[in-house]
Amino acid sequence: MNLADKFAQFSELWSQKKVAVVNDYEVKLAKLKGEFVWHTHDDTDELFLVISGRLTIQLRDGNVVLEPGELFVVPRGVEHCPVADEETAILLFEPAGTMNTGDAGGAMTKAAEILS
């Protein structure tokens, strides 16, 4: 699978696209720009890998800034808020069915869409 080809297939921001399944986990792609919502995933860790752009993951005790090729795992139960000042392409790895807004819900909640 060529990730650049997959990213070229969509332009919508903050919309996760499922591209693979590994056992009970999903590999998702997303394009981000702006600020998401503060949220927590009580039952799972969440892996963020930056493909292009720059991602800041705000945490209550400080920020983590990721450049292309860098990844960070937000531990389960840790409140966080992703922010991208420029359009940023990321890969997420998390259990199947994990909602993007975790416990927060709201207007930005979307189930991952399958990208063929």
C-alpha atoms as a PDB file:
ATOM      1  CA  MET A   1       0.000   0.000   0.000  1.00  0.00           C
ATOM      2  CA  ASN A   2       1.280   3.442  -0.900  1.00  0.00           C
ATOM      3  CA  LEU A   3       0.266   5.957   1.770  1.00  0.00           C
ATOM      4  CA  ALA A   4       0.705   8.959  -0.539  1.00  0.00           C
ATOM      5  CA  ASP A   5      -1.797   7.417  -2.956  1.00  0.00           C
ATOM      6  CA  LYS A   6      -4.254   6.831  -0.111  1.00  0.00           C
ATOM      7  CA  PHE A   7      -3.933  10.405   1.181  1.00  0.00           C
ATOM      8  CA  ALA A   8      -4.524  11.693  -2.374  1.00  0.00           C
ATOM      9  CA  GLN A   9      -7.962  10.022  -2.360  1.00  0.00           C
ATOM     10  CA  PHE A  10      -9.503  12.397   0.196  1.00  0.00           C
ATOM     11  CA  SER A  11      -9.384  16.010   1.335  1.00  0.00           C
ATOM     12  CA  GLU A  12     -11.841  16.105   4.243  1.00  0.00           C
ATOM     13  CA  LEU A  13     -10.289  17.220   7.519  1.00  0.00           C
ATOM     14  CA  TRP A  14     -10.722  15.391  10.848  1.00  0.00           C
ATOM     15  CA  SER A  15     -12.271  12.380   9.118  1.00  0.00           C
ATOM     16  CA  GLN A  16     -10.534   9.064   9.786  1.00  0.00           C
ATOM     17  CA  LYS A  17     -10.139   6.674   6.844  1.00  0.00           C
ATOM     18  CA  LYS A  18      -9.578   2.998   7.631  1.00  0.00           C
ATOM     19  CA  VAL A  19      -6.964   1.481   5.306  1.00  0.00           C
ATOM     20  CA  ALA A  20      -6.028  -1.789   7.044  1.00  0.00           C
ATOM     21  CA  VAL A  21      -6.905  -4.120   9.893  1.00  0.00           C
ATOM     22  CA  VAL A  22      -4.308  -5.868  12.061  1.00  0.00           C
ATOM     23  CA  ASN A  23      -6.005  -8.436  14.278  1.00  0.00           C
ATOM     24  CA  ASP A  24      -8.439  -6.334  16.347  1.00  0.00           C
ATOM     25  CA  TYR A  25      -6.750  -3.025  15.488  1.00  0.00           C
ATOM     26  CA  GLU A  26      -7.371  -0.543  12.692  1.00  0.00           C
ATOM     27  CA  VAL A  27      -4.840   1.488  10.737  1.00  0.00           C
ATOM     28  CA  LYS A  28      -6.435   4.837   9.936  1.00  0.00           C
ATOM     29  CA  LEU A  29      -5.341   7.894   7.988  1.00  0.00           C
ATOM     30  CA  ALA A  30      -6.513  11.432   8.594  1.00  0.00           C
ATOM     31  CA  LYS A  31      -5.793  14.975   7.519  1.00  0.00           C
ATOM     32  CA  LEU A  32      -5.918  17.575  10.268  1.00  0.00           C
ATOM     33  CA  LYS A  33      -5.930  21.336  10.451  1.00  0.00           C
ATOM     34  CA  GLY A  34      -6.966  23.468  13.400  1.00  0.00           C
ATOM     35  CA  GLU A  35      -7.862  22.250  16.867  1.00  0.00           C
ATOM     36  CA  PHE A  36      -9.829  19.107  17.723  1.00  0.00           C
ATOM     37  CA  VAL A  37     -11.654  18.543  21.034  1.00  0.00           C
ATOM     38  CA  TRP A  38     -10.246  17.601  24.412  1.00  0.00           C
ATOM     39  CA  HIS A  39     -11.074  13.945  24.989  1.00  0.00           C
ATOM     40  CA  THR A  40     -10.035  10.703  26.648  1.00  0.00           C
ATOM     41  CA  HIS A  41     -10.026   7.069  25.585  1.00  0.00           C
ATOM     42  CA  ASP A  42     -10.564   5.223  28.872  1.00  0.00           C
ATOM     43  CA  ASP A  43      -9.992   1.727  27.476  1.00  0.00           C
ATOM     44  CA  THR A  44      -7.171   2.112  24.964  1.00  0.00           C
ATOM     45  CA  ASP A  45      -3.896   3.770  24.064  1.00  0.00           C
ATOM     46  CA  GLU A  46      -3.806   5.765  20.817  1.00  0.00           C
ATOM     47  CA  LEU A  47      -0.810   5.885  18.460  1.00  0.00           C
ATOM     48  CA  PHE A  48      -0.235   8.999  16.314  1.00  0.00           C
ATOM     49  CA  LEU A  49       2.372   8.900  13.508  1.00  0.00           C
ATOM     50  CA  VAL A  50       2.941  12.117  11.529  1.00  0.00           C
ATOM     51  CA  ILE A  51       3.370  11.538   7.799  1.00  0.00           C
ATOM     52  CA  SER A  52       3.543  15.210   6.742  1.00  0.00           C
ATOM     53  CA  GLY A  53       3.027  18.542   8.435  1.00  0.00           C
ATOM     54  CA  ARG A  54       3.357  19.106  12.175  1.00  0.00           C
ATOM     55  CA  LEU A  55       1.103  17.925  14.988  1.00  0.00           C
ATOM     56  CA  THR A  56       0.891  19.193  18.525  1.00  0.00           C
ATOM     57  CA  ILE A  57      -0.801  16.895  20.994  1.00  0.00           C
ATOM     58  CA  GLN A  58      -1.892  19.034  23.904  1.00  0.00           C
ATOM     59  CA  LEU A  59      -1.814  17.262  27.250  1.00  0.00           C
ATOM     60  CA  ARG A  60      -2.843  18.752  30.577  1.00  0.00           C
ATOM     61  CA  ASP A  61       0.776  18.613  31.786  1.00  0.00           C
ATOM     62  CA  GLY A  62       2.449  19.894  28.592  1.00  0.00           C
ATOM     63  CA  ASN A  63       2.483  19.571  24.812  1.00  0.00           C
ATOM     64  CA  VAL A  64       4.088  16.972  22.558  1.00  0.00           C
ATOM     65  CA  VAL A  65       5.134  18.298  19.131  1.00  0.00           C
ATOM     66  CA  LEU A  66       5.554  15.770  16.329  1.00  0.00           C
ATOM     67  CA  GLU A  67       7.345  16.298  13.021  1.00  0.00           C
ATOM     68  CA  PRO A  68       7.133  13.962   9.982  1.00  0.00           C
ATOM     69  CA  GLY A  69       8.321  10.471  10.843  1.00  0.00           C
ATOM     70  CA  GLU A  70       7.731  10.917  14.581  1.00  0.00           C
ATOM     71  CA  LEU A  71       5.149   9.091  16.642  1.00  0.00           C
ATOM     72  CA  PHE A  72       3.635   9.356  20.089  1.00  0.00           C
ATOM     73  CA  VAL A  73       1.365   7.049  22.038  1.00  0.00           C
ATOM     74  CA  VAL A  74      -1.253   8.733  24.200  1.00  0.00           C
ATOM     75  CA  PRO A  75      -1.792   6.342  27.120  1.00  0.00           C
ATOM     76  CA  ARG A  76      -5.314   5.195  27.915  1.00  0.00           C
ATOM     77  CA  GLY A  77      -7.150   7.563  30.204  1.00  0.00           C
ATOM     78  CA  VAL A  78      -4.959  10.588  29.373  1.00  0.00           C
ATOM     79  CA  GLU A  79      -6.931  13.641  28.251  1.00  0.00           C
ATOM     80  CA  HIS A  80      -5.538  15.113  25.039  1.00  0.00           C
ATOM     81  CA  CYS A  81      -6.340  17.500  22.197  1.00  0.00           C
ATOM     82  CA  PRO A  82      -4.633  17.304  18.777  1.00  0.00           C
ATOM     83  CA  VAL A  83      -3.816  20.617  17.079  1.00  0.00           C
ATOM     84  CA  ALA A  84      -2.362  21.223  13.606  1.00  0.00           C
ATOM     85  CA  ASP A  85      -1.508  24.782  12.566  1.00  0.00           C
ATOM     86  CA  GLU A  86      -0.958  23.599   8.980  1.00  0.00           C
ATOM     87  CA  GLU A  87      -2.566  20.717   7.130  1.00  0.00           C
ATOM     88  CA  THR A  88      -1.058  17.584   8.619  1.00  0.00           C
ATOM     89  CA  ALA A  89      -1.365  13.972   7.481  1.00  0.00           C
ATOM     90  CA  ILE A  90      -1.297  11.319  10.203  1.00  0.00           C
ATOM     91  CA  LEU A  91      -1.591   7.584  10.656  1.00  0.00           C
ATOM     92  CA  LEU A  92      -3.480   6.271  13.699  1.00  0.00           C
ATOM     93  CA  PHE A  93      -3.315   2.780  15.155  1.00  0.00           C
ATOM     94  CA  GLU A  94      -6.007   1.837  17.639  1.00  0.00           C
ATOM     95  CA  PRO A  95      -8.542  -0.887  18.467  1.00  0.00           C
ATOM     96  CA  ALA A  96     -11.382  -1.386  15.975  1.00  0.00           C
ATOM     97  CA  GLY A  97     -14.391   0.762  16.769  1.00  0.00           C
ATOM     98  CA  THR A  98     -12.517   3.455  18.712  1.00  0.00           C
ATOM     99  CA  MET A  99     -14.406   6.720  18.296  1.00  0.00           C
ATOM    100  CA  ASN A 100     -12.359   9.741  17.307  1.00  0.00           C
ATOM    101  CA  THR A 101     -13.734  11.935  20.109  1.00  0.00           C
ATOM    102  CA  GLY A 102     -13.472   9.295  22.831  1.00  0.00           C
ATOM    103  CA  ASP A 103     -15.592  10.263  25.823  1.00  0.00           C
ATOM    104  CA  ALA A 104     -16.285  13.825  24.589  1.00  0.00           C
ATOM    105  CA  GLY A 105     -18.826  13.097  21.835  1.00  0.00           C
ATOM    106  CA  GLY A 106     -20.199  16.130  20.057  1.00  0.00           C
ATOM    107  CA  ALA A 107     -20.356  17.493  16.529  1.00  0.00           C
ATOM    108  CA  MET A 108     -16.880  16.254  15.518  1.00  0.00           C
ATOM    109  CA  THR A 109     -17.675  12.620  16.323  1.00  0.00           C
ATOM    110  CA  LYS A 110     -17.408  10.432  13.226  1.00  0.00           C
ATOM    111  CA  ALA A 111     -16.943   6.733  12.695  1.00  0.00           C
ATOM    112  CA  ALA A 112     -13.965   5.790  10.533  1.00  0.00           C
ATOM    113  CA  GLU A 113     -14.818   5.309   6.857  1.00  0.00           C
ATOM    114  CA  ILE A 114     -13.286   2.513   4.814  1.00  0.00           C
ATOM    115  CA  LEU A 115     -10.918   3.800   2.136  1.00  0.00           C
ATOM    116  CA  SER A 116     -10.409   1.246  -0.617  1.00  0.00           C
END
